[in-house]
Amino acid sequence: MDTRLEKLSYWVHQHTGFDRAHLTPVSGDASFRRYFRATGKDNTGKAITAIAMDAPPEREDCHPFVALARHWHQHGISVPRILAEDLEQGFLLLEDFGDRLMLGRLNGVTADDLYDEAMAELIRIQQVPDSSDYPLPDYNEELLDREMNLFPDWLLDGLLQMNLTDGERCMLETTFAFLRESALAQPRVTVHRDYHSRNLLVRPDTPVPGVIDFQDAVHGPITYDIASLLKDCYIDWPAPRRNAWLEDFRLMSREAGLHQADSDTFLQWFELMGMQRHLKAAGIFARLYLRDGKSGYLADIPRTVNYLIEASQPLPALRHFHQFLRENVVPAIHHHLGTPPDDLNEASRP
């Protein structure tokens, strides 16, 4: 018996504008949160829908989500309005943005317009000032390192069962230090921290995407979110097209006064920041399987590791890391996931 679902259903009935509501599951995420679409009628008989969030308080803290949702909404960011809340139980009722994820709408024809709108909204997010109710944490050295260590801890040691030598661990530490220094040297902005095609919704009434899953926002490097968007773990584009979008974003963000970097500098920031994120993501995908029993993300590991291979290839400082990926990690992925090594060099593209 799903007692939390029963409690959520009762709460929606008793404490919201729904006269009667029917809850159906909608796409979840990589956390312990669950989402349900509530459909029904209000007390006037009008058909209405909303998204009911179930976030067990012992596992998920809804306070950052609520604080950021209200603050960002006040600053014009297209996040869902909070219609009702019960933080003690871990229940929220949110504005329904629909279920048309940007990922499912991206193709060779639509991509330019969808990315243009997503980048414009990202510029607006980056300029949101801090809230007095919830000042953003800093994307500091400790957090950057903790995220990168997910790669050896959960992917290499955990999923792939690689027995790393002391030399290999030292090489990884040197690589992480190189990436960390680049991240900390970048201009600081408001960072969504998971800004990609599965957290952006295409809506019928506006070209501006709906933005979700923003509760982990921080103050951090200017290229973090654009790397999440253009070097998406769930879809890949040829480098020339990706870099053209990046240059558009560089000019937009410079015009907004967020930095003064030239094209080469901004591209290097982007590539190295993307590596930090992909180390984190590959580790998280492995952890979701090993710890949480979620196997669906395993298929995204080859694409994510390929981004690391691609970005490290031209950099002399990362030569040993690049070699380690090709000679050690790729065969291990092939052995444990059944992915032919050559497939790691062929990204999944529309």
Protein backbone atom coordinates (compact mmCIF):
# COMPACT_ATOMS: atom_id res chain seq x y z
CA MET A 1 0.00 0.00 0.00
CA ASP A 2 1.41 3.43 -1.03
CA THR A 3 0.52 5.34 2.12
CA ARG A 4 2.26 8.55 1.00
CA LEU A 5 0.24 8.61 -2.20
CA GLU A 6 -2.93 8.18 -0.16
CA LYS A 7 -1.91 11.07 2.09
CA LEU A 8 -1.00 13.23 -0.92
CA SER A 9 -4.34 12.49 -2.58
CA TYR A 10 -6.20 13.39 0.62
CA TRP A 11 -4.19 16.61 0.97
CA VAL A 12 -4.93 17.65 -2.63
CA HIS A 13 -8.63 17.05 -1.98
CA GLN A 14 -8.77 18.81 1.38
CA HIS A 15 -6.33 21.70 1.15
CA THR A 16 -6.39 22.98 -2.44
CA GLY A 17 -8.82 24.46 -4.93
CA PHE A 18 -9.76 21.04 -6.30
CA ASP A 19 -13.29 19.88 -5.59
CA ARG A 20 -12.28 16.43 -6.82
CA ALA A 21 -8.92 15.39 -8.19
CA HIS A 22 -7.44 12.33 -9.85
CA LEU A 23 -3.67 11.78 -9.50
CA THR A 24 -1.67 10.12 -12.25
CA PRO A 25 2.13 9.68 -12.25
CA VAL A 26 4.25 11.92 -14.45
CA SER A 27 7.95 11.69 -15.21
CA GLY A 28 10.08 11.53 -12.11
CA ASP A 29 13.68 12.63 -11.69
CA ALA A 30 16.92 11.36 -10.22
CA SER A 31 15.96 12.26 -6.65
CA PHE A 32 13.51 10.80 -4.15
CA ARG A 33 10.80 13.22 -5.28
CA ARG A 34 7.74 11.97 -7.14
CA TYR A 35 5.36 13.95 -9.30
CA PHE A 36 1.69 13.39 -10.10
CA ARG A 37 -0.68 15.29 -12.38
CA ALA A 38 -3.82 16.27 -10.51
CA THR A 39 -6.78 16.63 -12.84
CA GLY A 40 -10.27 17.58 -11.78
CA LYS A 41 -12.59 20.51 -11.28
CA ASP A 42 -12.63 23.49 -8.98
CA ASN A 43 -15.64 24.46 -6.91
CA THR A 44 -17.17 26.27 -9.90
CA GLY A 45 -17.00 23.16 -12.08
CA LYS A 46 -14.11 24.40 -14.24
CA ALA A 47 -11.61 21.75 -15.35
CA ILE A 48 -8.16 22.35 -13.85
CA THR A 49 -4.80 20.59 -13.61
CA ALA A 50 -1.75 20.96 -11.38
CA ILE A 51 1.38 19.03 -10.46
CA ALA A 52 1.47 17.43 -7.01
CA MET A 53 4.96 16.84 -5.64
CA ASP A 54 5.68 14.19 -3.04
CA ALA A 55 9.05 14.85 -1.37
CA PRO A 56 9.55 12.73 1.79
CA PRO A 57 10.87 15.19 4.41
CA GLU A 58 13.43 12.72 5.74
CA ARG A 59 15.02 12.53 2.28
CA GLU A 60 14.20 15.83 0.56
CA ASP A 61 14.12 19.39 1.91
CA CYS A 62 11.49 21.42 0.06
CA HIS A 63 12.45 24.77 1.62
CA PRO A 64 15.06 25.70 -1.05
CA PHE A 65 12.59 24.82 -3.83
CA VAL A 66 9.84 26.95 -2.32
CA ALA A 67 12.12 29.91 -1.56
CA LEU A 68 13.71 29.90 -5.02
CA ALA A 69 10.41 29.33 -6.84
CA ARG A 70 8.89 32.41 -5.25
CA HIS A 71 12.01 34.56 -5.60
CA TRP A 72 12.70 33.63 -9.21
CA HIS A 73 9.04 34.03 -10.16
CA GLN A 74 9.13 37.56 -8.74
CA HIS A 75 12.11 38.27 -11.02
CA GLY A 76 10.34 37.05 -14.15
CA ILE A 77 11.81 33.55 -14.42
CA SER A 78 9.37 31.01 -15.86
CA VAL A 79 9.27 28.62 -12.91
CA PRO A 80 6.01 27.01 -11.74
CA ARG A 81 3.89 29.00 -9.31
CA ILE A 82 3.35 27.33 -5.95
CA LEU A 83 -0.39 26.82 -5.53
CA ALA A 84 -0.31 25.11 -2.13
CA GLU A 85 2.28 23.73 0.27
CA ASP A 86 2.69 21.52 3.33
CA LEU A 87 6.41 21.39 4.04
CA GLU A 88 5.94 19.31 7.18
CA GLN A 89 4.52 16.46 5.10
CA GLY A 90 6.65 17.24 2.04
CA PHE A 91 3.74 18.05 -0.29
CA LEU A 92 3.57 20.82 -2.89
CA LEU A 93 1.01 21.68 -5.54
CA LEU A 94 2.55 23.43 -8.54
CA GLU A 95 1.46 25.15 -11.69
CA ASP A 96 1.25 22.60 -14.52
CA PHE A 97 3.62 23.43 -17.39
CA GLY A 98 2.60 20.30 -19.31
CA ASP A 99 4.83 17.37 -20.17
CA ARG A 100 6.48 18.38 -23.45
CA LEU A 101 10.13 18.15 -22.49
CA MET A 102 12.54 20.10 -24.67
CA LEU A 103 14.45 16.86 -25.24
CA GLY A 104 11.55 15.34 -27.15
CA ARG A 105 11.14 18.44 -29.33
CA LEU A 106 14.77 18.87 -30.35
CA ASN A 107 15.71 18.04 -33.93
CA GLY A 108 17.81 19.56 -36.67
CA VAL A 109 15.05 21.99 -37.62
CA THR A 110 13.76 23.09 -34.21
CA ALA A 111 17.07 23.26 -32.32
CA ASP A 112 18.06 26.83 -33.22
CA ASP A 113 14.84 28.37 -31.93
CA LEU A 114 14.62 26.15 -28.85
CA TYR A 115 18.21 26.85 -27.83
CA ASP A 116 17.84 30.57 -28.52
CA GLU A 117 14.93 30.75 -26.09
CA ALA A 118 16.66 28.53 -23.53
CA MET A 119 19.80 30.67 -23.65
CA ALA A 120 17.80 33.90 -23.31
CA GLU A 121 16.07 32.49 -20.22
CA LEU A 122 19.44 31.37 -18.84
CA ILE A 123 20.78 34.93 -19.13
CA ARG A 124 17.81 36.09 -17.08
CA ILE A 125 18.48 33.43 -14.44
CA GLN A 126 22.14 34.39 -14.23
CA GLN A 127 21.14 37.96 -13.37
CA VAL A 128 18.70 37.10 -10.55
CA PRO A 129 19.96 38.71 -7.32
CA ASP A 130 20.16 36.80 -4.07
CA SER A 131 17.08 36.46 -1.92
CA SER A 132 17.26 37.68 1.67
CA ASP A 133 15.18 34.63 2.64
CA TYR A 134 17.46 32.12 0.94
CA PRO A 135 20.98 33.31 -0.01
CA LEU A 136 22.49 30.91 -2.52
CA PRO A 137 25.34 28.64 -1.43
CA ASP A 138 28.68 29.14 -3.13
CA TYR A 139 29.94 26.68 -5.72
CA ASN A 140 33.21 26.43 -3.87
CA GLU A 141 36.30 24.24 -3.97
CA GLU A 142 34.83 21.69 -1.58
CA LEU A 143 31.65 21.22 -3.62
CA LEU A 144 33.51 21.02 -6.94
CA ASP A 145 35.83 18.34 -5.55
CA ARG A 146 33.02 16.37 -3.94
CA GLU A 147 31.21 16.23 -7.26
CA MET A 148 34.26 15.17 -9.29
CA ASN A 149 35.04 12.41 -6.81
CA LEU A 150 31.74 10.78 -7.71
CA PHE A 151 33.53 9.65 -10.89
CA PRO A 152 36.13 7.37 -9.25
CA ASP A 153 33.95 6.49 -6.26
CA TRP A 154 30.82 5.37 -8.09
CA LEU A 155 31.75 4.79 -11.73
CA LEU A 156 35.33 3.52 -11.68
CA ASP A 157 35.44 1.74 -8.30
CA GLY A 158 31.75 1.00 -7.94
CA LEU A 159 30.18 0.15 -11.28
CA LEU A 160 33.23 -0.73 -13.39
CA GLN A 161 35.11 -2.39 -10.49
CA MET A 162 38.44 -0.98 -11.62
CA ASN A 163 41.34 -1.42 -9.25
CA LEU A 164 42.99 1.98 -9.59
CA THR A 165 46.70 2.21 -8.92
CA ASP A 166 48.21 4.94 -6.75
CA GLY A 167 49.53 6.53 -9.92
CA GLU A 168 46.09 6.58 -11.51
CA ARG A 169 44.55 8.14 -8.41
CA CYS A 170 47.28 10.77 -8.39
CA MET A 171 46.60 11.49 -12.07
CA LEU A 172 42.90 11.94 -11.30
CA GLU A 173 43.70 14.34 -8.45
CA THR A 174 45.90 16.40 -10.79
CA THR A 175 43.14 16.47 -13.40
CA PHE A 176 40.55 17.54 -10.84
CA ALA A 177 42.83 20.34 -9.60
CA PHE A 178 43.22 21.64 -13.16
CA LEU A 179 39.45 21.69 -13.70
CA ARG A 180 38.80 23.20 -10.29
CA GLU A 181 41.18 26.11 -10.88
CA SER A 182 39.46 26.94 -14.16
CA ALA A 183 36.01 26.85 -12.57
CA LEU A 184 36.99 29.07 -9.65
CA ALA A 185 38.61 31.63 -11.97
CA GLN A 186 35.40 32.29 -13.92
CA PRO A 187 32.98 35.18 -13.26
CA ARG A 188 30.26 34.21 -10.78
CA VAL A 189 26.55 34.22 -11.53
CA THR A 190 23.37 32.53 -10.35
CA VAL A 191 23.66 28.88 -11.45
CA HIS A 192 20.60 26.64 -11.92
CA ARG A 193 22.95 23.63 -11.74
CA ASP A 194 20.87 21.21 -13.83
CA TYR A 195 19.88 23.30 -16.84
CA HIS A 196 19.30 20.81 -19.67
CA SER A 197 16.68 19.45 -22.04
CA ARG A 198 14.93 17.28 -19.43
CA ASN A 199 14.43 20.23 -17.09
CA LEU A 200 13.03 22.61 -19.71
CA LEU A 201 9.44 22.37 -20.88
CA VAL A 202 8.07 23.56 -24.22
CA ARG A 203 4.77 25.34 -23.59
CA PRO A 204 2.02 26.04 -26.12
CA ASP A 205 1.30 29.62 -25.06
CA THR A 206 4.81 31.09 -25.01
CA PRO A 207 8.22 30.45 -26.60
CA VAL A 208 9.88 30.88 -23.19
CA PRO A 209 10.64 27.42 -21.75
CA GLY A 210 9.29 26.38 -18.39
CA VAL A 211 12.14 25.85 -15.94
CA ILE A 212 12.02 23.07 -13.32
CA ASP A 213 14.38 21.25 -10.90
CA PHE A 214 16.12 24.44 -9.75
CA GLN A 215 16.30 23.72 -6.01
CA ASP A 216 20.07 23.06 -6.04
CA ALA A 217 20.95 26.52 -7.40
CA VAL A 218 24.24 28.10 -6.30
CA HIS A 219 26.53 31.04 -7.04
CA GLY A 220 29.07 29.66 -9.47
CA PRO A 221 30.95 29.73 -12.79
CA ILE A 222 29.27 31.49 -15.69
CA THR A 223 29.72 28.54 -18.09
CA TYR A 224 28.28 25.81 -15.85
CA ASP A 225 24.68 26.01 -17.03
CA ILE A 226 25.51 26.63 -20.68
CA ALA A 227 27.73 23.54 -20.58
CA SER A 228 24.80 21.59 -19.10
CA LEU A 229 22.57 22.81 -21.92
CA LEU A 230 24.85 22.49 -24.95
CA LYS A 231 26.83 19.46 -23.73
CA ASP A 232 23.65 17.73 -22.59
CA CYS A 233 24.08 14.23 -21.14
CA TYR A 234 20.91 13.15 -22.99
CA ILE A 235 21.54 14.49 -26.50
CA ASP A 236 24.67 15.45 -28.43
CA TRP A 237 25.31 17.82 -31.34
CA PRO A 238 28.23 18.19 -33.76
CA ALA A 239 30.90 20.46 -32.29
CA PRO A 240 30.65 23.19 -34.99
CA ARG A 241 26.93 23.68 -34.36
CA ARG A 242 27.35 23.51 -30.59
CA ASN A 243 30.15 26.08 -30.69
CA ALA A 244 28.08 28.42 -32.83
CA TRP A 245 25.36 28.40 -30.15
CA LEU A 246 28.04 28.94 -27.52
CA GLU A 247 29.33 32.01 -29.35
CA ASP A 248 25.78 33.39 -29.49
CA PHE A 249 25.53 32.89 -25.74
CA ARG A 250 28.94 34.49 -25.13
CA LEU A 251 27.82 37.63 -26.96
CA MET A 252 24.45 37.70 -25.17
CA SER A 253 25.99 37.29 -21.73
CA ARG A 254 28.71 39.86 -22.46
CA GLU A 255 26.05 42.32 -23.61
CA ALA A 256 24.30 41.69 -20.28
CA GLY A 257 27.51 42.71 -18.49
CA LEU A 258 28.22 39.28 -17.03
CA HIS A 259 31.79 38.96 -18.35
CA GLN A 260 34.33 40.42 -20.80
CA ALA A 261 35.85 37.17 -22.12
CA ASP A 262 36.90 36.71 -25.75
CA SER A 263 35.82 33.70 -27.82
CA ASP A 264 38.87 31.53 -27.10
CA THR A 265 38.78 32.15 -23.36
CA PHE A 266 35.06 31.52 -23.12
CA LEU A 267 35.36 28.31 -25.14
CA GLN A 268 38.11 27.02 -22.85
CA TRP A 269 36.03 27.85 -19.78
CA PHE A 270 33.11 25.99 -21.37
CA GLU A 271 35.12 22.88 -22.26
CA LEU A 272 36.75 22.54 -18.84
CA MET A 273 33.53 23.30 -16.97
CA GLY A 274 31.79 20.68 -19.07
CA MET A 275 34.39 18.14 -17.99
CA GLN A 276 33.75 18.87 -14.32
CA ARG A 277 30.03 18.39 -14.88
CA HIS A 278 30.46 15.17 -16.87
CA LEU A 279 32.71 13.66 -14.20
CA LYS A 280 29.93 14.38 -11.72
CA ALA A 281 27.15 13.14 -14.03
CA ALA A 282 28.87 9.86 -14.93
CA GLY A 283 29.35 9.15 -11.22
CA ILE A 284 25.73 10.03 -10.44
CA PHE A 285 24.42 7.77 -13.21
CA ALA A 286 26.41 4.89 -11.71
CA ARG A 287 25.20 5.74 -8.20
CA LEU A 288 21.57 5.83 -9.32
CA TYR A 289 21.95 2.24 -10.46
CA LEU A 290 24.07 0.88 -7.62
CA ARG A 291 22.41 2.67 -4.70
CA ASP A 292 18.90 3.43 -5.92
CA GLY A 293 18.24 0.62 -8.39
CA LYS A 294 17.56 3.04 -11.28
CA SER A 295 19.05 1.41 -14.38
CA GLY A 296 17.66 3.84 -16.95
CA TYR A 297 20.62 6.20 -16.65
CA LEU A 298 23.24 3.57 -17.50
CA ALA A 299 22.63 4.17 -21.21
CA ASP A 300 23.74 7.79 -20.77
CA ILE A 301 27.17 6.91 -19.35
CA PRO A 302 28.86 6.26 -22.75
CA ARG A 303 27.75 9.64 -24.11
CA THR A 304 28.87 11.39 -20.95
CA VAL A 305 32.29 9.72 -20.97
CA ASN A 306 32.65 10.56 -24.65
CA TYR A 307 32.33 14.25 -23.78
CA LEU A 308 35.29 13.79 -21.43
CA ILE A 309 37.31 12.10 -24.16
CA GLU A 310 36.47 14.80 -26.67
CA ALA A 311 37.27 17.73 -24.37
CA SER A 312 40.53 16.32 -22.98
CA GLN A 313 41.99 15.31 -26.35
CA PRO A 314 43.49 18.68 -27.43
CA LEU A 315 44.87 19.68 -24.01
CA PRO A 316 48.49 18.72 -23.20
CA ALA A 317 47.80 19.13 -19.47
CA LEU A 318 45.16 16.39 -19.69
CA ARG A 319 47.06 14.00 -21.95
CA HIS A 320 47.40 11.30 -19.30
CA PHE A 321 43.75 11.58 -18.32
CA HIS A 322 42.70 11.33 -21.97
CA GLN A 323 44.87 8.24 -22.42
CA PHE A 324 43.47 6.68 -19.25
CA LEU A 325 39.90 7.18 -20.51
CA ARG A 326 40.63 5.57 -23.87
CA GLU A 327 42.80 2.72 -22.70
CA ASN A 328 41.20 1.83 -19.36
CA VAL A 329 37.73 3.32 -18.89
CA VAL A 330 36.30 2.70 -22.37
CA PRO A 331 37.13 -1.05 -22.34
CA ALA A 332 35.71 -1.32 -18.81
CA ILE A 333 32.46 0.31 -19.94
CA HIS A 334 32.33 -2.11 -22.85
CA HIS A 335 32.86 -5.04 -20.52
CA HIS A 336 30.28 -4.03 -17.91
CA LEU A 337 27.64 -2.30 -20.03
CA GLY A 338 28.04 -4.15 -23.31
CA THR A 339 28.70 -0.97 -25.27
CA PRO A 340 31.04 -1.53 -28.23
CA PRO A 341 34.10 0.73 -27.79
CA ASP A 342 33.56 2.36 -31.17
CA ASP A 343 30.09 3.50 -30.07
CA LEU A 344 31.68 5.77 -27.46
CA ASN A 345 33.03 7.85 -30.31
CA GLU A 346 29.66 8.12 -32.04
CA ALA A 347 27.49 10.41 -29.92
CA SER A 348 23.72 10.08 -30.04
CA ARG A 349 22.60 12.88 -32.30
CA PRO A 350 19.29 13.82 -33.89
